[in-house]
C-alpha cells in the first residue's frame, strides 16, 4: 500500500484477520434451532469453524463456541422430548390395556353399599 514505511508518529495499520463464515453460521443455527433439530447443525458447523479458525488464524471463536453450546442444548432437548414421547405412549398403552381388560360383570355384587365400600 505504501511505497515506503510510515513516518514517525503514524502507526502502521494492520487490518484484522477475516471473520470465519462457518462460525457466524454456527451461531445463527444455534440460536434459531436451540430447541429443534436445526440446532444440531449449529453444533456441527461450530466444530468445523473451531478447526478452521485454529488452522487459518481467523476471527470468530466466540461465535463458534456459541454455536457448539447451543447445539448441545438442542441435542439435549431432542433426547428429552424423545424420552417424553416414549413415556407418554407407554403410559397411554397401559391405560388402554386396563380399559380393554375391564369387565363390568366382574364386580362382586351390584349392591350400592358394596360399591361405596370399594371406593373407600
PDB file of N, CA and C in Angstrom:
ATOM      1  N   UNK A   1       0.822  -1.176   0.000  1.00  0.00           N
ATOM      2  CA  UNK A   1       0.000   0.000   0.000  1.00  0.00           C
ATOM      3  C   UNK A   1       0.873   1.249   0.000  1.00  0.00           C
ATOM      4  N   UNK A   2       1.846   1.308   0.880  1.00  0.00           N
ATOM      5  CA  UNK A   2       2.773   2.435   0.927  1.00  0.00           C
ATOM      6  C   UNK A   2       4.081   2.013   0.251  1.00  0.00           C
ATOM      7  N   UNK A   3       4.667   2.886  -0.580  1.00  0.00           N
ATOM      8  CA  UNK A   3       5.958   2.527  -1.183  1.00  0.00           C
ATOM      9  C   UNK A   3       7.100   2.671  -0.188  1.00  0.00           C
ATOM     10  N   UNK A   4       6.861   3.302   0.952  1.00  0.00           N
ATOM     11  CA  UNK A   4       7.887   3.497   1.967  1.00  0.00           C
ATOM     12  C   UNK A   4       7.225   3.342   3.333  1.00  0.00           C
ATOM     13  N   UNK A   5       7.989   3.063   4.360  1.00  0.00           N
ATOM     14  CA  UNK A   5       7.398   2.905   5.696  1.00  0.00           C
ATOM     15  C   UNK A   5       6.793   4.216   6.193  1.00  0.00           C
ATOM     16  N   UNK A   6       5.790   4.147   7.057  1.00  0.00           N
ATOM     17  CA  UNK A   6       5.152   5.370   7.549  1.00  0.00           C
ATOM     18  C   UNK A   6       6.125   6.204   8.375  1.00  0.00           C
ATOM     19  N   UNK A   7       5.883   7.501   8.407  1.00  0.00           N
ATOM     20  CA  UNK A   7       6.726   8.421   9.150  1.00  0.00           C
ATOM     21  C   UNK A   7       6.544   8.209  10.648  1.00  0.00           C
ATOM     22  N   UNK A   8       7.469   8.786  11.390  1.00  0.00           N
ATOM     23  CA  UNK A   8       7.414   8.683  12.839  1.00  0.00           C
ATOM     24  C   UNK A   8       6.113   9.321  13.341  1.00  0.00           C
ATOM     25  N   UNK A   9       5.412   8.628  14.243  1.00  0.00           N
ATOM     26  CA  UNK A   9       4.180   9.144  14.800  1.00  0.00           C
ATOM     27  C   UNK A   9       2.938   8.636  14.089  1.00  0.00           C
ATOM     28  N   UNK A  10       3.099   8.003  12.948  1.00  0.00           N
ATOM     29  CA  UNK A  10       1.968   7.432  12.222  1.00  0.00           C
ATOM     30  C   UNK A  10       2.080   5.907  12.307  1.00  0.00           C
ATOM     31  N   UNK A  11       1.245   5.287  13.126  1.00  0.00           N
ATOM     32  CA  UNK A  11       1.373   3.827  13.256  1.00  0.00           C
ATOM     33  C   UNK A  11       0.906   3.128  11.981  1.00  0.00           C
ATOM     34  N   UNK A  12       1.509   1.994  11.757  1.00  0.00           N
ATOM     35  CA  UNK A  12       1.124   1.183  10.594  1.00  0.00           C
ATOM     36  C   UNK A  12      -0.196   0.490  10.910  1.00  0.00           C
ATOM     37  N   UNK A  13      -1.152   0.608  10.034  1.00  0.00           N
ATOM     38  CA  UNK A  13      -2.472  -0.003  10.249  1.00  0.00           C
ATOM     39  C   UNK A  13      -2.454  -1.445   9.770  1.00  0.00           C
ATOM     40  N   UNK A  14      -2.656  -2.343  10.712  1.00  0.00           N
ATOM     41  CA  UNK A  14      -2.732  -3.770  10.408  1.00  0.00           C
ATOM     42  C   UNK A  14      -4.217  -4.151  10.383  1.00  0.00           C
ATOM     43  N   UNK A  15      -4.772  -4.531   9.248  1.00  0.00           N
ATOM     44  CA  UNK A  15      -6.186  -4.900   9.222  1.00  0.00           C
ATOM     45  C   UNK A  15      -6.402  -6.189  10.019  1.00  0.00           C
ATOM     46  N   UNK A  16      -7.560  -6.294  10.662  1.00  0.00           N
ATOM     47  CA  UNK A  16      -7.821  -7.505  11.442  1.00  0.00           C
ATOM     48  C   UNK A  16      -7.986  -8.705  10.520  1.00  0.00           C
ATOM     49  N   UNK A  17      -7.742  -9.894  11.045  1.00  0.00           N
ATOM     50  CA  UNK A  17      -7.947 -11.085  10.218  1.00  0.00           C
ATOM     51  C   UNK A  17      -9.425 -11.232   9.862  1.00  0.00           C
ATOM     52  N   UNK A  18      -9.719 -11.949   8.799  1.00  0.00           N
ATOM     53  CA  UNK A  18     -11.121 -12.076   8.378  1.00  0.00           C
ATOM     54  C   UNK A  18     -11.944 -12.910   9.358  1.00  0.00           C
ATOM     55  N   UNK A  19     -13.229 -12.669   9.327  1.00  0.00           N
ATOM     56  CA  UNK A  19     -14.172 -13.415  10.169  1.00  0.00           C
ATOM     57  C   UNK A  19     -14.512 -14.729   9.481  1.00  0.00           C
ATOM     58  N   UNK A  20     -14.586 -15.795  10.266  1.00  0.00           N
ATOM     59  CA  UNK A  20     -14.915 -17.106   9.726  1.00  0.00           C
ATOM     60  C   UNK A  20     -16.425 -17.198   9.485  1.00  0.00           C
ATOM     61  N   UNK A  21     -16.819 -17.511   8.274  1.00  0.00           N
ATOM     62  CA  UNK A  21     -18.238 -17.600   7.922  1.00  0.00           C
ATOM     63  C   UNK A  21     -18.942 -18.779   8.570  1.00  0.00           C
ATOM     64  N   UNK A  22     -18.211 -19.871   8.753  1.00  0.00           N
ATOM     65  CA  UNK A  22     -18.822 -21.034   9.406  1.00  0.00           C
ATOM     66  C   UNK A  22     -19.164 -20.724  10.862  1.00  0.00           C
ATOM     67  N   UNK A  23     -18.355 -19.894  11.507  1.00  0.00           N
ATOM     68  CA  UNK A  23     -18.633 -19.523  12.894  1.00  0.00           C
ATOM     69  C   UNK A  23     -19.910 -18.703  12.983  1.00  0.00           C
ATOM     70  N   UNK A  24     -20.097 -17.792  12.039  1.00  0.00           N
ATOM     71  CA  UNK A  24     -21.329 -16.996  12.021  1.00  0.00           C
ATOM     72  C   UNK A  24     -22.530 -17.896  11.757  1.00  0.00           C
ATOM     73  N   UNK A  25     -22.395 -18.818  10.819  1.00  0.00           N
ATOM     74  CA  UNK A  25     -23.491 -19.752  10.526  1.00  0.00           C
ATOM     75  C   UNK A  25     -23.786 -20.635  11.730  1.00  0.00           C
ATOM     76  N   UNK A  26     -22.754 -21.058  12.454  1.00  0.00           N
ATOM     77  CA  UNK A  26     -22.953 -21.902  13.638  1.00  0.00           C
ATOM     78  C   UNK A  26     -23.750 -21.156  14.699  1.00  0.00           C
ATOM     79  N   UNK A  27     -23.413 -19.901  14.912  1.00  0.00           N
ATOM     80  CA  UNK A  27     -24.135 -19.131  15.915  1.00  0.00           C
ATOM     81  C   UNK A  27     -25.592 -18.911  15.506  1.00  0.00           C
ATOM     82  N   UNK A  28     -25.823 -18.576  14.261  1.00  0.00           N
ATOM     83  CA  UNK A  28     -27.190 -18.340  13.795  1.00  0.00           C
ATOM     84  C   UNK A  28     -28.010 -19.623  13.883  1.00  0.00           C
ATOM     85  N   UNK A  29     -27.456 -20.738  13.429  1.00  0.00           N
ATOM     86  CA  UNK A  29     -28.194 -22.006  13.502  1.00  0.00           C
ATOM     87  C   UNK A  29     -28.404 -22.438  14.944  1.00  0.00           C
ATOM     88  N   UNK A  30     -27.449 -22.153  15.809  1.00  0.00           N
ATOM     89  CA  UNK A  30     -27.616 -22.483  17.221  1.00  0.00           C
ATOM     90  C   UNK A  30     -28.729 -21.683  17.869  1.00  0.00           C
ATOM     91  N   UNK A  31     -28.808 -20.396  17.542  1.00  0.00           N
ATOM     92  CA  UNK A  31     -29.862 -19.557  18.123  1.00  0.00           C
ATOM     93  C   UNK A  31     -31.226 -19.951  17.573  1.00  0.00           C
ATOM     94  N   UNK A  32     -31.319 -20.133  16.270  1.00  0.00           N
ATOM     95  CA  UNK A  32     -32.609 -20.460  15.649  1.00  0.00           C
ATOM     96  C   UNK A  32     -33.086 -21.848  16.083  1.00  0.00           C
ATOM     97  N   UNK A  33     -32.166 -22.773  16.198  1.00  0.00           N
ATOM     98  CA  UNK A  33     -32.562 -24.152  16.475  1.00  0.00           C
ATOM     99  C   UNK A  33     -32.239 -24.634  17.857  1.00  0.00           C
ATOM    100  N   UNK A  34     -32.297 -23.748  18.866  1.00  0.00           N
ATOM    101  CA  UNK A  34     -31.900 -24.164  20.209  1.00  0.00           C
ATOM    102  C   UNK A  34     -32.796 -25.275  20.756  1.00  0.00           C
ATOM    103  N   UNK A  35     -34.059 -25.328  20.374  1.00  0.00           N
ATOM    104  CA  UNK A  35     -34.947 -26.392  20.826  1.00  0.00           C
ATOM    105  C   UNK A  35     -35.516 -27.179  19.663  1.00  0.00           C
ATOM    106  N   UNK A  36     -34.752 -27.314  18.600  1.00  0.00           N
ATOM    107  CA  UNK A  36     -35.202 -28.076  17.437  1.00  0.00           C
ATOM    108  C   UNK A  36     -34.005 -28.797  16.817  1.00  0.00           C
ATOM    109  N   UNK A  37     -34.268 -29.707  15.911  1.00  0.00           N
ATOM    110  CA  UNK A  37     -33.167 -30.445  15.278  1.00  0.00           C
ATOM    111  C   UNK A  37     -32.222 -29.576  14.456  1.00  0.00           C
ATOM    112  N   UNK A  38     -32.615 -28.366  14.107  1.00  0.00           N
ATOM    113  CA  UNK A  38     -31.729 -27.478  13.357  1.00  0.00           C
ATOM    114  C   UNK A  38     -30.497 -27.126  14.191  1.00  0.00           C
ATOM    115  N   UNK A  39     -30.648 -27.123  15.509  1.00  0.00           N
ATOM    116  CA  UNK A  39     -29.536 -26.792  16.389  1.00  0.00           C
ATOM    117  C   UNK A  39     -28.370 -27.756  16.278  1.00  0.00           C
ATOM    118  N   UNK A  40     -28.631 -28.980  15.840  1.00  0.00           N
ATOM    119  CA  UNK A  40     -27.549 -29.950  15.650  1.00  0.00           C
ATOM    120  C   UNK A  40     -26.601 -29.449  14.556  1.00  0.00           C
ATOM    121  N   UNK A  41     -27.132 -28.768  13.552  1.00  0.00           N
ATOM    122  CA  UNK A  41     -26.279 -28.187  12.523  1.00  0.00           C
ATOM    123  C   UNK A  41     -25.378 -27.098  13.113  1.00  0.00           C
ATOM    124  N   UNK A  42     -25.888 -26.354  14.086  1.00  0.00           N
ATOM    125  CA  UNK A  42     -25.061 -25.368  14.769  1.00  0.00           C
ATOM    126  C   UNK A  42     -23.894 -26.018  15.487  1.00  0.00           C
ATOM    127  N   UNK A  43     -24.134 -27.186  16.084  1.00  0.00           N
ATOM    128  CA  UNK A  43     -23.070 -27.942  16.736  1.00  0.00           C
ATOM    129  C   UNK A  43     -22.012 -28.382  15.725  1.00  0.00           C
ATOM    130  N   UNK A  44     -22.449 -28.923  14.603  1.00  0.00           N
ATOM    131  CA  UNK A  44     -21.517 -29.406  13.579  1.00  0.00           C
ATOM    132  C   UNK A  44     -20.740 -28.243  12.970  1.00  0.00           C
ATOM    133  N   UNK A  45     -21.448 -27.174  12.595  1.00  0.00           N
ATOM    134  CA  UNK A  45     -20.775 -26.023  11.997  1.00  0.00           C
ATOM    135  C   UNK A  45     -19.795 -25.383  12.984  1.00  0.00           C
ATOM    136  N   UNK A  46     -20.167 -25.358  14.265  1.00  0.00           N
ATOM    137  CA  UNK A  46     -19.281 -24.778  15.273  1.00  0.00           C
ATOM    138  C   UNK A  46     -17.984 -25.553  15.417  1.00  0.00           C
ATOM    139  N   UNK A  47     -18.076 -26.878  15.369  1.00  0.00           N
ATOM    140  CA  UNK A  47     -16.860 -27.680  15.480  1.00  0.00           C
ATOM    141  C   UNK A  47     -15.964 -27.515  14.249  1.00  0.00           C
ATOM    142  N   UNK A  48     -16.579 -27.449  13.085  1.00  0.00           N
ATOM    143  CA  UNK A  48     -15.801 -27.219  11.858  1.00  0.00           C
ATOM    144  C   UNK A  48     -15.160 -25.831  11.899  1.00  0.00           C
ATOM    145  N   UNK A  49     -15.906 -24.841  12.361  1.00  0.00           N
ATOM    146  CA  UNK A  49     -15.393 -23.474  12.421  1.00  0.00           C
ATOM    147  C   UNK A  49     -14.229 -23.363  13.400  1.00  0.00           C
ATOM    148  N   UNK A  50     -14.309 -24.046  14.548  1.00  0.00           N
ATOM    149  CA  UNK A  50     -13.198 -24.015  15.512  1.00  0.00           C
ATOM    150  C   UNK A  50     -11.922 -24.537  14.871  1.00  0.00           C
ATOM    151  N   UNK A  51     -12.027 -25.611  14.101  1.00  0.00           N
ATOM    152  CA  UNK A  51     -10.850 -26.177  13.444  1.00  0.00           C
ATOM    153  C   UNK A  51     -10.304 -25.200  12.396  1.00  0.00           C
ATOM    154  N   UNK A  52     -11.204 -24.600  11.614  1.00  0.00           N
ATOM    155  CA  UNK A  52     -10.772 -23.649  10.586  1.00  0.00           C
ATOM    156  C   UNK A  52     -10.122 -22.414  11.215  1.00  0.00           C
ATOM    157  N   UNK A  53     -10.670 -21.927  12.308  1.00  0.00           N
ATOM    158  CA  UNK A  53     -10.110 -20.757  12.981  1.00  0.00           C
ATOM    159  C   UNK A  53      -8.707 -21.066  13.494  1.00  0.00           C
ATOM    160  N   UNK A  54      -8.548 -22.239  14.050  1.00  0.00           N
ATOM    161  CA  UNK A  54      -7.241 -22.636  14.562  1.00  0.00           C
ATOM    162  C   UNK A  54      -6.219 -22.759  13.428  1.00  0.00           C
ATOM    163  N   UNK A  55      -6.629 -23.320  12.300  1.00  0.00           N
ATOM    164  CA  UNK A  55      -5.711 -23.521  11.179  1.00  0.00           C
ATOM    165  C   UNK A  55      -5.408 -22.233  10.422  1.00  0.00           C
ATOM    166  N   UNK A  56      -6.401 -21.379  10.226  1.00  0.00           N
ATOM    167  CA  UNK A  56      -6.247 -20.194   9.377  1.00  0.00           C
ATOM    168  C   UNK A  56      -5.955 -18.912  10.139  1.00  0.00           C
ATOM    169  N   UNK A  57      -6.133 -18.925  11.457  1.00  0.00           N
ATOM    170  CA  UNK A  57      -5.903 -17.713  12.242  1.00  0.00           C
ATOM    171  C   UNK A  57      -6.985 -16.665  12.063  1.00  0.00           C
ATOM    172  N   UNK A  58      -8.215 -17.090  11.796  1.00  0.00           N
ATOM    173  CA  UNK A  58      -9.315 -16.145  11.580  1.00  0.00           C
ATOM    174  C   UNK A  58      -9.967 -15.768  12.903  1.00  0.00           C
ATOM    175  N   UNK A  59     -10.900 -14.823  12.827  1.00  0.00           N
ATOM    176  CA  UNK A  59     -11.683 -14.420  13.991  1.00  0.00           C
ATOM    177  C   UNK A  59     -12.983 -15.223  14.021  1.00  0.00           C
ATOM    178  N   UNK A  60     -13.695 -15.163  15.147  1.00  0.00           N
ATOM    179  CA  UNK A  60     -14.995 -15.798  15.250  1.00  0.00           C
ATOM    180  C   UNK A  60     -15.039 -16.953  16.219  1.00  0.00           C
ATOM    181  N   UNK A  61     -14.056 -17.044  17.101  1.00  0.00           N
ATOM    182  CA  UNK A  61     -14.021 -18.152  18.050  1.00  0.00           C
ATOM    183  C   UNK A  61     -15.241 -18.122  18.982  1.00  0.00           C
ATOM    184  N   UNK A  62     -15.644 -16.945  19.421  1.00  0.00           N
ATOM    185  CA  UNK A  62     -16.810 -16.829  20.299  1.00  0.00           C
ATOM    186  C   UNK A  62     -18.096 -17.256  19.607  1.00  0.00           C
ATOM    187  N   UNK A  63     -18.227 -16.921  18.325  1.00  0.00           N
ATOM    188  CA  UNK A  63     -19.403 -17.346  17.568  1.00  0.00           C
ATOM    189  C   UNK A  63     -19.444 -18.870  17.455  1.00  0.00           C
ATOM    190  N   UNK A  64     -18.279 -19.471  17.217  1.00  0.00           N
ATOM    191  CA  UNK A  64     -18.218 -20.930  17.083  1.00  0.00           C
ATOM    192  C   UNK A  64     -18.566 -21.606  18.402  1.00  0.00           C
ATOM    193  N   UNK A  65     -18.053 -21.077  19.503  1.00  0.00           N
ATOM    194  CA  UNK A  65     -18.355 -21.658  20.817  1.00  0.00           C
ATOM    195  C   UNK A  65     -19.845 -21.518  21.121  1.00  0.00           C
ATOM    196  N   UNK A  66     -20.439 -20.388  20.770  1.00  0.00           N
ATOM    197  CA  UNK A  66     -21.876 -20.203  20.975  1.00  0.00           C
ATOM    198  C   UNK A  66     -22.676 -21.234  20.181  1.00  0.00           C
ATOM    199  N   UNK A  67     -22.294 -21.475  18.941  1.00  0.00           N
ATOM    200  CA  UNK A  67     -22.965 -22.491  18.133  1.00  0.00           C
ATOM    201  C   UNK A  67     -22.825 -23.877  18.726  1.00  0.00           C
ATOM    202  N   UNK A  68     -21.650 -24.187  19.276  1.00  0.00           N
ATOM    203  CA  UNK A  68     -21.434 -25.507  19.876  1.00  0.00           C
ATOM    204  C   UNK A  68     -22.282 -25.673  21.129  1.00  0.00           C
ATOM    205  N   UNK A  69     -22.296 -24.681  21.999  1.00  0.00           N
ATOM    206  CA  UNK A  69     -23.066 -24.780  23.245  1.00  0.00           C
ATOM    207  C   UNK A  69     -24.558 -24.895  22.953  1.00  0.00           C
ATOM    208  N   UNK A  70     -25.065 -24.043  22.071  1.00  0.00           N
ATOM    209  CA  UNK A  70     -26.488 -24.101  21.740  1.00  0.00           C
ATOM    210  C   UNK A  70     -26.823 -25.387  20.988  1.00  0.00           C
ATOM    211  N   UNK A  71     -25.881 -25.912  20.228  1.00  0.00           N
ATOM    212  CA  UNK A  71     -26.091 -27.197  19.559  1.00  0.00           C
ATOM    213  C   UNK A  71     -26.237 -28.329  20.557  1.00  0.00           C
ATOM    214  N   UNK A  72     -25.405 -28.322  21.604  1.00  0.00           N
ATOM    215  CA  UNK A  72     -25.540 -29.359  22.634  1.00  0.00           C
ATOM    216  C   UNK A  72     -26.859 -29.209  23.397  1.00  0.00           C
ATOM    217  N   UNK A  73     -27.302 -27.984  23.605  1.00  0.00           N
ATOM    218  CA  UNK A  73     -28.616 -27.777  24.245  1.00  0.00           C
ATOM    219  C   UNK A  73     -29.712 -28.344  23.345  1.00  0.00           C
ATOM    220  N   UNK A  74     -29.589 -28.163  22.040  1.00  0.00           N
ATOM    221  CA  UNK A  74     -30.570 -28.724  21.103  1.00  0.00           C
ATOM    222  C   UNK A  74     -30.560 -30.243  21.155  1.00  0.00           C
ATOM    223  N   UNK A  75     -29.380 -30.851  21.232  1.00  0.00           N
ATOM    224  CA  UNK A  75     -29.290 -32.317  21.325  1.00  0.00           C
ATOM    225  C   UNK A  75     -29.961 -32.798  22.610  1.00  0.00           C
ATOM    226  N   UNK A  76     -29.704 -32.112  23.726  1.00  0.00           N
ATOM    227  CA  UNK A  76     -30.320 -32.496  24.992  1.00  0.00           C
ATOM    228  C   UNK A  76     -31.837 -32.357  24.939  1.00  0.00           C
ATOM    229  N   UNK A  77     -32.324 -31.301  24.295  1.00  0.00           N
ATOM    230  CA  UNK A  77     -33.779 -31.136  24.222  1.00  0.00           C
ATOM    231  C   UNK A  77     -34.414 -32.188  23.315  1.00  0.00           C
ATOM    232  N   UNK A  78     -33.723 -32.581  22.254  1.00  0.00           N
ATOM    233  CA  UNK A  78     -34.245 -33.637  21.379  1.00  0.00           C
ATOM    234  C   UNK A  78     -34.340 -34.948  22.151  1.00  0.00           C
ATOM    235  N   UNK A  79     -33.298 -35.268  22.917  1.00  0.00           N
ATOM    236  CA  UNK A  79     -33.315 -36.501  23.715  1.00  0.00           C
ATOM    237  C   UNK A  79     -34.427 -36.437  24.760  1.00  0.00           C
ATOM    238  N   UNK A  80     -34.578 -35.286  25.421  1.00  0.00           N
ATOM    239  CA  UNK A  80     -35.628 -35.130  26.419  1.00  0.00           C
ATOM    240  C   UNK A  80     -37.010 -35.348  25.807  1.00  0.00           C
ATOM    241  N   UNK A  81     -37.288 -34.693  24.682  1.00  0.00           N
ATOM    242  CA  UNK A  81     -38.610 -34.822  24.073  1.00  0.00           C
ATOM    243  C   UNK A  81     -38.849 -36.228  23.538  1.00  0.00           C
ATOM    244  N   UNK A  82     -37.823 -36.889  23.034  1.00  0.00           N
ATOM    245  CA  UNK A  82     -38.000 -38.265  22.563  1.00  0.00           C
ATOM    246  C   UNK A  82     -38.357 -39.180  23.732  1.00  0.00           C
ATOM    247  N   UNK A  83     -37.650 -39.033  24.861  1.00  0.00           N
ATOM    248  CA  UNK A  83     -37.979 -39.846  26.037  1.00  0.00           C
ATOM    249  C   UNK A  83     -39.368 -39.512  26.578  1.00  0.00           C
ATOM    250  N   UNK A  84     -39.739 -38.244  26.530  1.00  0.00           N
ATOM    251  CA  UNK A  84     -41.065 -37.829  26.995  1.00  0.00           C
ATOM    252  C   UNK A  84     -42.167 -38.456  26.140  1.00  0.00           C
ATOM    253  N   UNK A  85     -41.989 -38.442  24.837  1.00  0.00           N
ATOM    254  CA  UNK A  85     -42.990 -39.032  23.943  1.00  0.00           C
ATOM    255  C   UNK A  85     -43.081 -40.535  24.151  1.00  0.00           C
ATOM    256  N   UNK A  86     -41.945 -41.195  24.328  1.00  0.00           N
ATOM    257  CA  UNK A  86     -41.958 -42.639  24.598  1.00  0.00           C
ATOM    258  C   UNK A  86     -42.690 -42.917  25.905  1.00  0.00           C
ATOM    259  N   UNK A  87     -42.444 -42.099  26.938  1.00  0.00           N
ATOM    260  CA  UNK A  87     -43.128 -42.273  28.217  1.00  0.00           C
ATOM    261  C   UNK A  87     -44.634 -42.082  28.067  1.00  0.00           C
ATOM    262  N   UNK A  88     -45.064 -41.070  27.335  1.00  0.00           N
ATOM    263  CA  UNK A  88     -46.496 -40.810  27.146  1.00  0.00           C
ATOM    264  C   UNK A  88     -47.162 -41.971  26.417  1.00  0.00           C
ATOM    265  N   UNK A  89     -46.535 -42.463  25.331  1.00  0.00           N
ATOM    266  CA  UNK A  89     -47.129 -43.579  24.598  1.00  0.00           C
ATOM    267  C   UNK A  89     -47.157 -44.850  25.434  1.00  0.00           C
ATOM    268  N   UNK A  90     -46.138 -45.075  26.246  1.00  0.00           N
ATOM    269  CA  UNK A  90     -46.117 -46.251  27.110  1.00  0.00           C
ATOM    270  C   UNK A  90     -47.221 -46.157  28.162  1.00  0.00           C
ATOM    271  N   UNK A  91     -47.340 -44.999  28.804  1.00  0.00           N
ATOM    272  CA  UNK A  91     -48.379 -44.825  29.820  1.00  0.00           C
ATOM    273  C   UNK A  91     -49.767 -44.935  29.193  1.00  0.00           C
ATOM    274  N   UNK A  92     -49.947 -44.384  28.000  1.00  0.00           N
ATOM    275  CA  UNK A  92     -51.236 -44.478  27.316  1.00  0.00           C
ATOM    276  C   UNK A  92     -51.546 -45.926  26.975  1.00  0.00           C
ATOM    277  N   UNK A  93     -50.528 -46.685  26.592  1.00  0.00           N
ATOM    278  CA  UNK A  93     -50.731 -48.103  26.295  1.00  0.00           C
ATOM    279  C   UNK A  93     -51.181 -48.874  27.517  1.00  0.00           C
ATOM    280  N   UNK A  94     -50.597 -48.575  28.686  1.00  0.00           N
ATOM    281  CA  UNK A  94     -51.023 -49.242  29.912  1.00  0.00           C
ATOM    282  C   UNK A  94     -52.463 -48.898  30.257  1.00  0.00           C
ATOM    283  N   UNK A  95     -52.837 -47.641  30.094  1.00  0.00           N
ATOM    284  CA  UNK A  95     -54.210 -47.217  30.407  1.00  0.00           C
ATOM    285  C   UNK A  95     -55.198 -47.880  29.457  1.00  0.00           C
ATOM    286  N   UNK A  96     -54.870 -47.906  28.172  1.00  0.00           N
ATOM    287  CA  UNK A  96     -55.760 -48.537  27.199  1.00  0.00           C
ATOM    288  C   UNK A  96     -55.869 -50.021  27.485  1.00  0.00           C
ATOM    289  N   UNK A  97     -54.799 -50.649  27.883  1.00  0.00           N
ATOM    290  CA  UNK A  97     -54.824 -52.071  28.219  1.00  0.00           C
ATOM    291  C   UNK A  97     -55.727 -52.323  29.420  1.00  0.00           C
ATOM    292  N   UNK A  98     -55.662 -51.471  30.433  1.00  0.00           N
ATOM    293  CA  UNK A  98     -56.522 -51.627  31.603  1.00  0.00           C
ATOM    294  C   UNK A  98     -57.991 -51.409  31.241  1.00  0.00           C
ATOM    295  N   UNK A  99     -58.261 -50.448  30.364  1.00  0.00           N
ATOM    296  CA  UNK A  99     -59.646 -50.182  29.974  1.00  0.00           C
ATOM    297  C   UNK A  99     -60.209 -51.354  29.176  1.00  0.00           C
ATOM    298  N   UNK A 100     -59.413 -51.915  28.292  1.00  0.00           N
ATOM    299  CA  UNK A 100     -59.917 -53.028  27.477  1.00  0.00           C
ATOM    300  C   UNK A 100     -60.057 -54.301  28.287  1.00  0.00           C
ATOM    301  N   UNK A 101     -59.317 -54.448  29.394  1.00  0.00           N
ATOM    302  CA  UNK A 101     -59.449 -55.636  30.243  1.00  0.00           C
ATOM    303  C   UNK A 101     -60.600 -55.525  31.230  1.00  0.00           C
ATOM    304  N   UNK A 102     -61.261 -54.380  31.313  1.00  0.00           N
ATOM    305  CA  UNK A 102     -62.345 -54.173  32.256  1.00  0.00           C
ATOM    306  C   UNK A 102     -63.565 -54.975  31.837  1.00  0.00           C
ATOM    307  N   UNK A 103     -64.122 -55.703  32.783  1.00  0.00           N
ATOM    308  CA  UNK A 103     -65.358 -56.468  32.546  1.00  0.00           C
ATOM    309  C   UNK A 103     -66.390 -55.994  33.545  1.00  0.00           C
ATOM    310  N   UNK A 104     -67.505 -55.460  33.089  1.00  0.00           N
ATOM    311  CA  UNK A 104     -68.496 -54.915  34.020  1.00  0.00           C
ATOM    312  C   UNK A 104     -69.137 -55.972  34.909  1.00  0.00           C
ATOM    313  N   UNK A 105     -69.161 -57.228  34.501  1.00  0.00           N
ATOM    314  CA  UNK A 105     -69.781 -58.272  35.319  1.00  0.00           C
ATOM    315  C   UNK A 105     -68.810 -58.823  36.359  1.00  0.00           C
ATOM    316  N   UNK A 106     -67.637 -58.266  36.479  1.00  0.00           N
ATOM    317  CA  UNK A 106     -66.657 -58.801  37.414  1.00  0.00           C
ATOM    318  C   UNK A 106     -66.788 -58.212  38.812  1.00  0.00           C
ATOM    319  N   UNK A 107     -67.737 -57.288  39.016  1.00  0.00           N
ATOM    320  CA  UNK A 107     -67.937 -56.744  40.353  1.00  0.00           C
ATOM    321  C   UNK A 107     -68.481 -57.840  41.251  1.00  0.00           C
ATOM    322  N   UNK A 108     -68.129 -57.793  42.538  1.00  0.00           N
ATOM    323  CA  UNK A 108     -68.629 -58.839  43.442  1.00  0.00           C
ATOM    324  C   UNK A 108     -70.140 -58.790  43.618  1.00  0.00           C
ATOM    325  N   UNK A 109     -70.699 -57.624  43.584  1.00  0.00           N
ATOM    326  CA  UNK A 109     -72.146 -57.508  43.736  1.00  0.00           C
ATOM    327  C   UNK A 109     -72.599 -56.189  43.120  1.00  0.00           C
ATOM    328  N   UNK A 110     -73.891 -56.079  42.905  1.00  0.00           N
ATOM    329  CA  UNK A 110     -74.450 -54.852  42.364  1.00  0.00           C
ATOM    330  C   UNK A 110     -75.020 -53.963  43.456  1.00  0.00           C
ATOM    331  N   UNK A 111     -74.820 -54.340  44.696  1.00  0.00           N
ATOM    332  CA  UNK A 111     -75.344 -53.561  45.814  1.00  0.00           C
ATOM    333  C   UNK A 111     -74.581 -52.235  45.935  1.00  0.00           C
ATOM    334  N   UNK A 112     -75.302 -51.128  46.133  1.00  0.00           N
ATOM    335  CA  UNK A 112     -74.698 -49.800  46.185  1.00  0.00           C
ATOM    336  C   UNK A 112     -73.797 -49.651  47.388  1.00  0.00           C
ATOM    337  N   UNK A 113     -74.110 -50.299  48.505  1.00  0.00           N
ATOM    338  CA  UNK A 113     -73.259 -50.164  49.691  1.00  0.00           C
ATOM    339  C   UNK A 113     -71.913 -50.845  49.467  1.00  0.00           C
ATOM    340  N   UNK A 114     -71.906 -51.977  48.795  1.00  0.00           N
ATOM    341  CA  UNK A 114     -70.620 -52.638  48.497  1.00  0.00           C
ATOM    342  C   UNK A 114     -69.780 -51.771  47.554  1.00  0.00           C
ATOM    343  N   UNK A 115     -70.421 -51.113  46.614  1.00  0.00           N
ATOM    344  CA  UNK A 115     -69.705 -50.230  45.720  1.00  0.00           C
ATOM    345  C   UNK A 115     -69.100 -49.057  46.481  1.00  0.00           C
ATOM    346  N   UNK A 116     -69.827 -48.481  47.408  1.00  0.00           N
ATOM    347  CA  UNK A 116     -69.325 -47.367  48.203  1.00  0.00           C
ATOM    348  C   UNK A 116     -68.155 -47.818  49.072  1.00  0.00           C
ATOM    349  N   UNK A 117     -68.194 -49.037  49.595  1.00  0.00           N
ATOM    350  CA  UNK A 117     -67.082 -49.543  50.392  1.00  0.00           C
ATOM    351  C   UNK A 117     -65.831 -49.749  49.545  1.00  0.00           C
ATOM    352  N   UNK A 118     -66.019 -50.101  48.296  1.00  0.00           N
ATOM    353  CA  UNK A 118     -64.880 -50.262  47.400  1.00  0.00           C
ATOM    354  C   UNK A 118     -64.191 -48.933  47.145  1.00  0.00           C
ATOM    355  N   UNK A 119     -64.956 -47.849  47.106  1.00  0.00           N
ATOM    356  CA  UNK A 119     -64.373 -46.543  46.859  1.00  0.00           C
ATOM    357  C   UNK A 119     -63.581 -46.024  48.056  1.00  0.00           C
ATOM    358  N   UNK A 120     -63.916 -46.476  49.253  1.00  0.00           N
ATOM    359  CA  UNK A 120     -63.200 -46.019  50.434  1.00  0.00           C
ATOM    360  C   UNK A 120     -61.913 -46.771  50.514  1.00  0.00           C
TER     361      UNK A 120
END
